[in-house]
Amino acid sequence: MHIENCSAGDIEEIFRLYGLASEYQRSKRGVVVWPQFDRELVTTEIAENRQWKLLIDDQVACVWATTFNDEQIWEEKNSDSAVYIHRIATNPNFRGRNFVRTIVEWSKVYAKENQKDFVRLDTLGNNKALIAHYTNAGFTFLGLFELKDTRGLPEHYHKAPACLFEISLKADKV
């Protein structure tokens, strides 16, 4: 198992996994479903080395994106030095292996390499199972927040409050 940046050749697989994730979300009662994401967004993330993949035996097991800026979602907390994780999508053939925990460990190292004090992520709606999953992986749940400005964000951000999560790395800098 190893993690590396996605390449332009991965875009079809990324969108396949996004589609499968949306189908899975639809199968769950009361869960906010991902929309069709903009290809230009993902193409830009790939070009900027912000789209990642976890490979197992040369198969894409999981994908996610990162950024160092997430002002619309994190508002005033965006001034903190953080890496933000978005759109974790797992290949169903590898589901159940708790890749969130793997991503957490990777992201702590990645954040420190980039002089960041926090690892953060968000999800939408009061999905108690997902909240528990993220807290069990090491995130602190900060609560549900109504976003003030969702213009330009993917459409699912207009439908429910955001659940914000973070891991502080400040204690590790002693």
N, C-alpha and C. Protein backbone atom coordinates (compact mmCIF):
# COMPACT_ATOMS: atom_id res chain seq x y z
N MET A 1 0.86 -1.18 0.00
CA MET A 1 0.00 0.00 0.00
C MET A 1 0.90 1.23 0.00
N HIS A 2 0.60 2.17 -0.91
CA HIS A 2 1.31 3.44 -0.88
C HIS A 2 0.42 4.55 -1.44
N ILE A 3 0.83 5.79 -1.11
CA ILE A 3 0.07 6.99 -1.49
C ILE A 3 0.93 7.82 -2.42
N GLU A 4 0.28 8.32 -3.48
CA GLU A 4 0.96 9.21 -4.42
C GLU A 4 -0.05 10.16 -5.04
N ASN A 5 0.48 11.18 -5.72
CA ASN A 5 -0.39 12.11 -6.43
C ASN A 5 -1.08 11.41 -7.59
N CYS A 6 -2.29 11.83 -7.87
CA CYS A 6 -2.99 11.36 -9.06
C CYS A 6 -2.38 12.03 -10.29
N SER A 7 -2.57 11.41 -11.43
CA SER A 7 -2.13 11.99 -12.70
C SER A 7 -3.36 12.18 -13.58
N ALA A 8 -3.18 12.85 -14.69
CA ALA A 8 -4.29 13.08 -15.63
C ALA A 8 -4.91 11.77 -16.08
N GLY A 9 -4.12 10.71 -16.14
CA GLY A 9 -4.63 9.40 -16.52
C GLY A 9 -5.57 8.77 -15.50
N ASP A 10 -5.65 9.35 -14.31
CA ASP A 10 -6.53 8.82 -13.25
C ASP A 10 -7.91 9.45 -13.26
N ILE A 11 -8.15 10.44 -14.09
CA ILE A 11 -9.39 11.21 -13.97
C ILE A 11 -10.65 10.35 -14.14
N GLU A 12 -10.63 9.41 -15.06
CA GLU A 12 -11.82 8.55 -15.24
C GLU A 12 -12.07 7.71 -14.00
N GLU A 13 -11.01 7.19 -13.41
CA GLU A 13 -11.17 6.38 -12.19
C GLU A 13 -11.65 7.24 -11.03
N ILE A 14 -11.15 8.46 -10.92
CA ILE A 14 -11.61 9.37 -9.86
C ILE A 14 -13.10 9.59 -9.99
N PHE A 15 -13.57 9.90 -11.20
CA PHE A 15 -15.00 10.15 -11.39
C PHE A 15 -15.83 8.88 -11.24
N ARG A 16 -15.26 7.73 -11.57
CA ARG A 16 -15.97 6.47 -11.33
C ARG A 16 -16.18 6.28 -9.82
N LEU A 17 -15.13 6.54 -9.04
CA LEU A 17 -15.24 6.40 -7.59
C LEU A 17 -16.19 7.43 -7.00
N TYR A 18 -16.18 8.66 -7.51
CA TYR A 18 -17.15 9.66 -7.05
C TYR A 18 -18.58 9.19 -7.33
N GLY A 19 -18.80 8.63 -8.51
CA GLY A 19 -20.13 8.13 -8.86
C GLY A 19 -20.57 6.99 -7.95
N LEU A 20 -19.66 6.08 -7.66
CA LEU A 20 -19.97 4.97 -6.76
C LEU A 20 -20.22 5.48 -5.33
N ALA A 21 -19.47 6.48 -4.92
CA ALA A 21 -19.69 7.08 -3.59
C ALA A 21 -21.08 7.72 -3.53
N SER A 22 -21.47 8.41 -4.59
CA SER A 22 -22.81 9.04 -4.62
C SER A 22 -23.90 7.97 -4.56
N GLU A 23 -23.71 6.87 -5.29
CA GLU A 23 -24.68 5.77 -5.24
C GLU A 23 -24.79 5.23 -3.81
N TYR A 24 -23.66 5.03 -3.17
CA TYR A 24 -23.65 4.53 -1.79
C TYR A 24 -24.37 5.51 -0.86
N GLN A 25 -24.11 6.80 -1.03
CA GLN A 25 -24.77 7.82 -0.21
C GLN A 25 -26.28 7.78 -0.42
N ARG A 26 -26.72 7.58 -1.68
CA ARG A 26 -28.17 7.50 -1.97
C ARG A 26 -28.82 6.32 -1.26
N SER A 27 -28.04 5.27 -1.02
CA SER A 27 -28.58 4.07 -0.37
C SER A 27 -28.78 4.27 1.13
N LYS A 28 -28.21 5.33 1.67
CA LYS A 28 -28.32 5.62 3.10
C LYS A 28 -29.42 6.64 3.34
N ARG A 29 -30.20 6.42 4.34
CA ARG A 29 -31.32 7.30 4.65
C ARG A 29 -30.84 8.61 5.29
N GLY A 30 -31.29 9.74 4.75
CA GLY A 30 -31.01 11.04 5.35
C GLY A 30 -29.60 11.56 5.15
N VAL A 31 -28.86 11.01 4.18
CA VAL A 31 -27.48 11.42 3.95
C VAL A 31 -27.44 12.39 2.76
N VAL A 32 -26.63 13.43 2.87
CA VAL A 32 -26.44 14.37 1.77
C VAL A 32 -25.63 13.64 0.69
N VAL A 33 -26.14 13.70 -0.55
CA VAL A 33 -25.51 12.99 -1.67
C VAL A 33 -24.64 13.96 -2.46
N TRP A 34 -23.44 13.49 -2.83
CA TRP A 34 -22.55 14.29 -3.64
C TRP A 34 -23.17 14.56 -5.00
N PRO A 35 -22.99 15.77 -5.52
CA PRO A 35 -23.43 16.06 -6.89
C PRO A 35 -22.38 15.55 -7.88
N GLN A 36 -22.63 15.75 -9.15
CA GLN A 36 -21.60 15.51 -10.16
C GLN A 36 -20.60 16.66 -10.02
N PHE A 37 -19.35 16.34 -9.72
CA PHE A 37 -18.34 17.37 -9.54
C PHE A 37 -17.83 17.86 -10.90
N ASP A 38 -17.35 19.08 -10.91
CA ASP A 38 -16.84 19.73 -12.10
C ASP A 38 -15.49 19.12 -12.49
N ARG A 39 -15.38 18.66 -13.73
CA ARG A 39 -14.12 18.06 -14.20
C ARG A 39 -12.96 19.05 -14.13
N GLU A 40 -13.25 20.31 -14.38
CA GLU A 40 -12.20 21.33 -14.34
C GLU A 40 -11.61 21.44 -12.93
N LEU A 41 -12.46 21.33 -11.91
CA LEU A 41 -11.99 21.36 -10.52
C LEU A 41 -10.98 20.25 -10.29
N VAL A 42 -11.32 19.04 -10.69
CA VAL A 42 -10.45 17.89 -10.46
C VAL A 42 -9.20 17.97 -11.32
N THR A 43 -9.34 18.41 -12.56
CA THR A 43 -8.19 18.59 -13.44
C THR A 43 -7.20 19.59 -12.84
N THR A 44 -7.72 20.68 -12.28
CA THR A 44 -6.87 21.68 -11.63
C THR A 44 -6.18 21.07 -10.42
N GLU A 45 -6.92 20.33 -9.60
CA GLU A 45 -6.31 19.69 -8.42
C GLU A 45 -5.18 18.75 -8.84
N ILE A 46 -5.39 17.99 -9.90
CA ILE A 46 -4.34 17.08 -10.38
C ILE A 46 -3.13 17.89 -10.83
N ALA A 47 -3.35 18.93 -11.61
CA ALA A 47 -2.25 19.76 -12.12
C ALA A 47 -1.47 20.41 -10.98
N GLU A 48 -2.17 20.73 -9.88
CA GLU A 48 -1.53 21.37 -8.72
C GLU A 48 -1.05 20.36 -7.67
N ASN A 49 -1.06 19.08 -8.01
CA ASN A 49 -0.64 18.00 -7.09
C ASN A 49 -1.42 18.02 -5.79
N ARG A 50 -2.74 18.23 -5.89
CA ARG A 50 -3.60 18.24 -4.71
C ARG A 50 -4.63 17.11 -4.72
N GLN A 51 -4.55 16.23 -5.70
CA GLN A 51 -5.43 15.06 -5.77
C GLN A 51 -4.55 13.84 -5.51
N TRP A 52 -4.99 12.98 -4.57
CA TRP A 52 -4.17 11.87 -4.09
C TRP A 52 -4.87 10.54 -4.30
N LYS A 53 -4.06 9.49 -4.35
CA LYS A 53 -4.61 8.14 -4.44
C LYS A 53 -3.82 7.20 -3.55
N LEU A 54 -4.54 6.26 -2.98
CA LEU A 54 -3.94 5.19 -2.21
C LEU A 54 -4.00 3.95 -3.10
N LEU A 55 -2.85 3.37 -3.36
CA LEU A 55 -2.76 2.21 -4.24
C LEU A 55 -2.49 0.94 -3.44
N ILE A 56 -3.19 -0.11 -3.82
CA ILE A 56 -2.95 -1.45 -3.28
C ILE A 56 -2.83 -2.38 -4.48
N ASP A 57 -1.69 -3.04 -4.62
CA ASP A 57 -1.45 -3.94 -5.76
C ASP A 57 -1.78 -3.25 -7.08
N ASP A 58 -1.31 -2.02 -7.23
CA ASP A 58 -1.50 -1.21 -8.45
C ASP A 58 -2.96 -0.88 -8.76
N GLN A 59 -3.85 -1.04 -7.80
CA GLN A 59 -5.25 -0.65 -7.96
C GLN A 59 -5.53 0.57 -7.09
N VAL A 60 -6.32 1.50 -7.61
CA VAL A 60 -6.71 2.67 -6.84
C VAL A 60 -7.74 2.22 -5.81
N ALA A 61 -7.36 2.27 -4.55
CA ALA A 61 -8.24 1.85 -3.46
C ALA A 61 -9.04 3.01 -2.89
N CYS A 62 -8.49 4.23 -3.01
CA CYS A 62 -9.12 5.40 -2.40
C CYS A 62 -8.52 6.66 -3.03
N VAL A 63 -9.34 7.71 -3.14
CA VAL A 63 -8.86 9.00 -3.62
C VAL A 63 -9.36 10.10 -2.69
N TRP A 64 -8.65 11.22 -2.69
CA TRP A 64 -9.07 12.41 -1.94
C TRP A 64 -8.29 13.60 -2.47
N ALA A 65 -8.76 14.78 -2.08
CA ALA A 65 -8.11 16.02 -2.49
C ALA A 65 -7.68 16.79 -1.25
N THR A 66 -6.68 17.66 -1.43
CA THR A 66 -6.24 18.52 -0.33
C THR A 66 -6.15 19.96 -0.83
N THR A 67 -6.17 20.86 0.12
CA THR A 67 -5.92 22.28 -0.15
C THR A 67 -5.38 22.90 1.13
N PHE A 68 -4.74 24.04 1.00
CA PHE A 68 -4.26 24.78 2.17
C PHE A 68 -5.15 25.99 2.47
N ASN A 69 -6.23 26.13 1.72
CA ASN A 69 -7.13 27.26 1.89
C ASN A 69 -8.57 26.79 1.70
N ASP A 70 -9.45 27.12 2.64
CA ASP A 70 -10.84 26.68 2.56
C ASP A 70 -11.73 27.72 3.22
N GLU A 71 -11.61 28.95 2.76
CA GLU A 71 -12.21 30.10 3.42
C GLU A 71 -13.73 30.04 3.52
N GLN A 72 -14.41 29.61 2.47
CA GLN A 72 -15.88 29.62 2.52
C GLN A 72 -16.42 28.65 3.55
N ILE A 73 -15.75 27.55 3.76
CA ILE A 73 -16.23 26.57 4.73
C ILE A 73 -15.72 26.89 6.13
N TRP A 74 -14.46 27.25 6.25
CA TRP A 74 -13.86 27.45 7.56
C TRP A 74 -13.89 28.89 8.03
N GLU A 75 -14.29 29.80 7.18
CA GLU A 75 -14.50 31.21 7.51
C GLU A 75 -13.32 31.77 8.30
N GLU A 76 -13.54 32.31 9.52
CA GLU A 76 -12.44 32.95 10.25
C GLU A 76 -11.35 31.97 10.66
N LYS A 77 -11.66 30.68 10.81
CA LYS A 77 -10.64 29.69 11.16
C LYS A 77 -9.69 29.41 9.99
N ASN A 78 -10.06 29.85 8.80
CA ASN A 78 -9.20 29.65 7.64
C ASN A 78 -7.85 30.36 7.80
N SER A 79 -7.78 31.34 8.69
CA SER A 79 -6.50 32.03 8.92
C SER A 79 -5.49 31.13 9.63
N ASP A 80 -5.96 30.04 10.24
CA ASP A 80 -5.05 29.07 10.83
C ASP A 80 -4.27 28.36 9.73
N SER A 81 -3.12 27.86 10.07
CA SER A 81 -2.28 27.12 9.14
C SER A 81 -2.74 25.67 9.12
N ALA A 82 -3.41 25.26 8.01
CA ALA A 82 -4.03 23.94 7.99
C ALA A 82 -3.98 23.31 6.61
N VAL A 83 -4.06 21.99 6.60
CA VAL A 83 -4.32 21.24 5.38
C VAL A 83 -5.77 20.76 5.50
N TYR A 84 -6.53 20.93 4.43
CA TYR A 84 -7.94 20.57 4.38
C TYR A 84 -8.11 19.38 3.43
N ILE A 85 -8.85 18.39 3.88
CA ILE A 85 -9.09 17.17 3.10
C ILE A 85 -10.51 17.22 2.56
N HIS A 86 -10.66 16.87 1.28
CA HIS A 86 -11.97 16.85 0.63
C HIS A 86 -12.19 15.57 -0.17
N ARG A 87 -13.43 15.19 -0.29
CA ARG A 87 -13.92 14.16 -1.21
C ARG A 87 -13.17 12.84 -1.11
N ILE A 88 -13.17 12.24 0.05
CA ILE A 88 -12.59 10.91 0.20
C ILE A 88 -13.58 9.92 -0.44
N ALA A 89 -13.11 9.19 -1.42
CA ALA A 89 -13.95 8.20 -2.11
C ALA A 89 -13.19 6.88 -2.17
N THR A 90 -13.82 5.84 -1.65
CA THR A 90 -13.19 4.53 -1.57
C THR A 90 -13.73 3.60 -2.64
N ASN A 91 -12.83 2.87 -3.27
CA ASN A 91 -13.20 1.82 -4.20
C ASN A 91 -13.97 0.76 -3.41
N PRO A 92 -15.19 0.40 -3.84
CA PRO A 92 -15.98 -0.59 -3.09
C PRO A 92 -15.26 -1.92 -2.89
N ASN A 93 -14.33 -2.26 -3.78
CA ASN A 93 -13.58 -3.52 -3.62
C ASN A 93 -12.66 -3.48 -2.40
N PHE A 94 -12.45 -2.29 -1.85
CA PHE A 94 -11.54 -2.13 -0.71
C PHE A 94 -12.26 -1.54 0.51
N ARG A 95 -13.57 -1.43 0.47
CA ARG A 95 -14.34 -0.85 1.57
C ARG A 95 -14.14 -1.68 2.84
N GLY A 96 -14.18 -0.98 3.98
CA GLY A 96 -14.07 -1.66 5.26
C GLY A 96 -12.65 -1.72 5.81
N ARG A 97 -11.71 -1.12 5.13
CA ARG A 97 -10.31 -1.16 5.57
C ARG A 97 -9.90 0.09 6.33
N ASN A 98 -10.85 0.95 6.65
CA ASN A 98 -10.62 2.16 7.44
C ASN A 98 -9.50 3.03 6.86
N PHE A 99 -9.65 3.37 5.58
CA PHE A 99 -8.67 4.24 4.93
C PHE A 99 -8.64 5.63 5.54
N VAL A 100 -9.70 6.05 6.21
CA VAL A 100 -9.67 7.37 6.85
C VAL A 100 -8.54 7.41 7.86
N ARG A 101 -8.35 6.37 8.61
CA ARG A 101 -7.24 6.32 9.58
C ARG A 101 -5.89 6.40 8.85
N THR A 102 -5.78 5.72 7.73
CA THR A 102 -4.55 5.78 6.93
C THR A 102 -4.32 7.19 6.41
N ILE A 103 -5.39 7.82 5.93
CA ILE A 103 -5.29 9.20 5.42
C ILE A 103 -4.91 10.15 6.56
N VAL A 104 -5.46 9.92 7.75
CA VAL A 104 -5.11 10.76 8.91
C VAL A 104 -3.61 10.68 9.18
N GLU A 105 -3.07 9.49 9.24
CA GLU A 105 -1.64 9.34 9.53
C GLU A 105 -0.80 9.99 8.43
N TRP A 106 -1.18 9.78 7.16
CA TRP A 106 -0.47 10.40 6.05
C TRP A 106 -0.58 11.93 6.14
N SER A 107 -1.80 12.43 6.42
CA SER A 107 -2.02 13.88 6.41
C SER A 107 -1.28 14.58 7.55
N LYS A 108 -1.07 13.91 8.67
CA LYS A 108 -0.28 14.50 9.75
C LYS A 108 1.15 14.75 9.28
N VAL A 109 1.73 13.78 8.62
CA VAL A 109 3.09 13.93 8.09
C VAL A 109 3.11 15.01 7.01
N TYR A 110 2.13 14.97 6.10
CA TYR A 110 2.04 15.95 5.02
C TYR A 110 1.89 17.37 5.59
N ALA A 111 1.05 17.51 6.60
CA ALA A 111 0.85 18.83 7.23
C ALA A 111 2.15 19.32 7.86
N LYS A 112 2.84 18.48 8.59
CA LYS A 112 4.10 18.88 9.22
C LYS A 112 5.15 19.25 8.18
N GLU A 113 5.21 18.48 7.08
CA GLU A 113 6.16 18.80 6.01
C GLU A 113 5.88 20.17 5.39
N ASN A 114 4.63 20.59 5.47
CA ASN A 114 4.21 21.87 4.90
C ASN A 114 3.97 22.93 5.97
N GLN A 115 4.52 22.71 7.17
CA GLN A 115 4.45 23.65 8.29
C GLN A 115 3.00 24.05 8.62
N LYS A 116 2.11 23.08 8.71
CA LYS A 116 0.71 23.33 9.04
C LYS A 116 0.43 22.85 10.46
N ASP A 117 -0.47 23.57 11.14
CA ASP A 117 -0.80 23.26 12.53
C ASP A 117 -2.03 22.37 12.70
N PHE A 118 -2.83 22.23 11.64
CA PHE A 118 -4.06 21.46 11.72
C PHE A 118 -4.26 20.61 10.47
N VAL A 119 -4.97 19.50 10.67
CA VAL A 119 -5.55 18.72 9.58
C VAL A 119 -7.05 18.86 9.78
N ARG A 120 -7.76 19.24 8.71
CA ARG A 120 -9.19 19.49 8.83
C ARG A 120 -9.97 18.84 7.70
N LEU A 121 -11.22 18.55 8.00
CA LEU A 121 -12.14 18.11 6.96
C LEU A 121 -13.55 18.49 7.36
N ASP A 122 -14.44 18.40 6.38
CA ASP A 122 -15.85 18.69 6.64
C ASP A 122 -16.70 17.64 5.96
N THR A 123 -17.91 17.52 6.43
CA THR A 123 -18.95 16.74 5.77
C THR A 123 -20.24 17.50 5.98
N LEU A 124 -21.29 17.05 5.36
CA LEU A 124 -22.54 17.80 5.42
C LEU A 124 -23.65 16.99 6.07
N GLY A 125 -24.50 17.71 6.81
CA GLY A 125 -25.64 17.08 7.46
C GLY A 125 -25.25 16.40 8.75
N ASN A 126 -26.25 16.02 9.50
CA ASN A 126 -26.03 15.40 10.81
C ASN A 126 -25.96 13.89 10.66
N ASN A 127 -24.93 13.42 9.94
CA ASN A 127 -24.72 12.00 9.69
C ASN A 127 -23.95 11.43 10.89
N LYS A 128 -24.69 10.91 11.85
CA LYS A 128 -24.08 10.45 13.11
C LYS A 128 -23.04 9.35 12.89
N ALA A 129 -23.29 8.45 11.94
CA ALA A 129 -22.34 7.36 11.68
C ALA A 129 -21.02 7.92 11.13
N LEU A 130 -21.11 8.88 10.23
CA LEU A 130 -19.90 9.46 9.66
C LEU A 130 -19.16 10.32 10.69
N ILE A 131 -19.91 11.03 11.52
CA ILE A 131 -19.29 11.80 12.60
C ILE A 131 -18.50 10.86 13.51
N ALA A 132 -19.10 9.74 13.87
CA ALA A 132 -18.41 8.76 14.72
C ALA A 132 -17.19 8.19 14.01
N HIS A 133 -17.32 7.92 12.72
CA HIS A 133 -16.21 7.36 11.94
C HIS A 133 -15.00 8.32 11.95
N TYR A 134 -15.27 9.60 11.72
CA TYR A 134 -14.18 10.58 11.70
C TYR A 134 -13.58 10.80 13.09
N THR A 135 -14.41 10.82 14.13
CA THR A 135 -13.85 11.00 15.48
C THR A 135 -13.06 9.76 15.90
N ASN A 136 -13.52 8.59 15.51
CA ASN A 136 -12.76 7.37 15.81
C ASN A 136 -11.42 7.33 15.09
N ALA A 137 -11.31 8.06 13.98
CA ALA A 137 -10.06 8.12 13.23
C ALA A 137 -9.11 9.19 13.78
N GLY A 138 -9.55 9.93 14.80
CA GLY A 138 -8.65 10.89 15.45
C GLY A 138 -9.05 12.35 15.35
N PHE A 139 -10.12 12.65 14.60
CA PHE A 139 -10.57 14.04 14.48
C PHE A 139 -11.40 14.45 15.69
N THR A 140 -11.31 15.72 16.02
CA THR A 140 -12.21 16.32 17.01
C THR A 140 -13.38 16.92 16.24
N PHE A 141 -14.60 16.58 16.63
CA PHE A 141 -15.80 17.12 16.00
C PHE A 141 -16.07 18.48 16.62
N LEU A 142 -16.08 19.52 15.77
CA LEU A 142 -16.26 20.89 16.25
C LEU A 142 -17.72 21.32 16.24
N GLY A 143 -18.59 20.56 15.60
CA GLY A 143 -20.01 20.88 15.57
C GLY A 143 -20.53 21.10 14.17
N LEU A 144 -21.84 21.43 14.12
CA LEU A 144 -22.51 21.74 12.86
C LEU A 144 -22.60 23.24 12.69
N PHE A 145 -22.32 23.72 11.48
CA PHE A 145 -22.28 25.15 11.22
C PHE A 145 -23.03 25.47 9.93
N GLU A 146 -23.85 26.50 9.99
CA GLU A 146 -24.48 27.02 8.78
C GLU A 146 -23.45 27.89 8.07
N LEU A 147 -23.17 27.59 6.82
CA LEU A 147 -22.19 28.37 6.07
C LEU A 147 -22.82 29.68 5.62
N LYS A 148 -22.06 30.75 5.72
CA LYS A 148 -22.58 32.08 5.39
C LYS A 148 -22.61 32.33 3.89
N ASP A 149 -21.65 31.80 3.15
CA ASP A 149 -21.55 32.08 1.72
C ASP A 149 -21.19 30.79 0.98
N THR A 150 -22.16 30.22 0.27
CA THR A 150 -21.90 28.97 -0.45
C THR A 150 -21.77 29.19 -1.96
N ARG A 151 -21.76 30.45 -2.39
CA ARG A 151 -21.59 30.73 -3.83
C ARG A 151 -20.29 30.11 -4.34
N GLY A 152 -20.41 29.37 -5.44
CA GLY A 152 -19.24 28.76 -6.05
C GLY A 152 -18.87 27.40 -5.49
N LEU A 153 -19.45 27.02 -4.35
CA LEU A 153 -19.19 25.69 -3.79
C LEU A 153 -20.07 24.67 -4.52
N PRO A 154 -19.65 23.39 -4.55
CA PRO A 154 -20.52 22.36 -5.13
C PRO A 154 -21.92 22.41 -4.49
N GLU A 155 -22.93 22.02 -5.27
CA GLU A 155 -24.32 22.24 -4.88
C GLU A 155 -24.73 21.60 -3.55
N HIS A 156 -24.09 20.50 -3.15
CA HIS A 156 -24.51 19.87 -1.90
C HIS A 156 -24.22 20.74 -0.67
N TYR A 157 -23.34 21.74 -0.79
CA TYR A 157 -23.08 22.66 0.32
C TYR A 157 -24.25 23.61 0.58
N HIS A 158 -25.20 23.68 -0.33
CA HIS A 158 -26.36 24.55 -0.18
C HIS A 158 -27.49 23.85 0.58
N LYS A 159 -27.34 22.56 0.87
CA LYS A 159 -28.46 21.74 1.35
C LYS A 159 -28.46 21.43 2.84
N ALA A 160 -27.36 21.58 3.51
CA ALA A 160 -27.29 21.14 4.91
C ALA A 160 -26.15 21.86 5.63
N PRO A 161 -26.22 21.88 6.96
CA PRO A 161 -25.10 22.47 7.70
C PRO A 161 -23.83 21.64 7.54
N ALA A 162 -22.70 22.30 7.70
CA ALA A 162 -21.40 21.63 7.59
C ALA A 162 -20.96 21.13 8.97
N CYS A 163 -20.50 19.90 9.00
CA CYS A 163 -19.86 19.33 10.19
C CYS A 163 -18.36 19.56 10.01
N LEU A 164 -17.75 20.21 10.97
CA LEU A 164 -16.33 20.52 10.88
C LEU A 164 -15.54 19.66 11.86
N PHE A 165 -14.39 19.18 11.38
CA PHE A 165 -13.52 18.30 12.15
C PHE A 165 -12.08 18.79 12.01
N GLU A 166 -11.30 18.60 13.09
CA GLU A 166 -9.88 18.95 12.99
C GLU A 166 -9.04 18.08 13.91
N ILE A 167 -7.78 18.04 13.55
CA ILE A 167 -6.73 17.44 14.38
C ILE A 167 -5.70 18.53 14.57
N SER A 168 -5.39 18.87 15.80
CA SER A 168 -4.38 19.88 16.08
C SER A 168 -3.02 19.19 16.16
N LEU A 169 -2.06 19.77 15.47
CA LEU A 169 -0.68 19.26 15.50
C LEU A 169 0.21 20.14 16.34
N LYS A 170 -0.36 21.17 16.96
CA LYS A 170 0.41 22.12 17.75
C LYS A 170 1.15 21.44 18.90
N ALA A 171 0.53 20.48 19.54
CA ALA A 171 1.16 19.80 20.67
C ALA A 171 2.40 19.03 20.22
N ASP A 172 2.43 18.64 18.93
CA ASP A 172 3.58 17.88 18.40
C ASP A 172 4.78 18.77 18.13
N LYS A 173 4.64 20.10 18.27
CA LYS A 173 5.73 21.02 17.92
C LYS A 173 6.55 21.45 19.14
N VAL A 174 6.43 20.76 20.23
CA VAL A 174 7.13 21.14 21.44
C VAL A 174 8.63 21.02 21.27
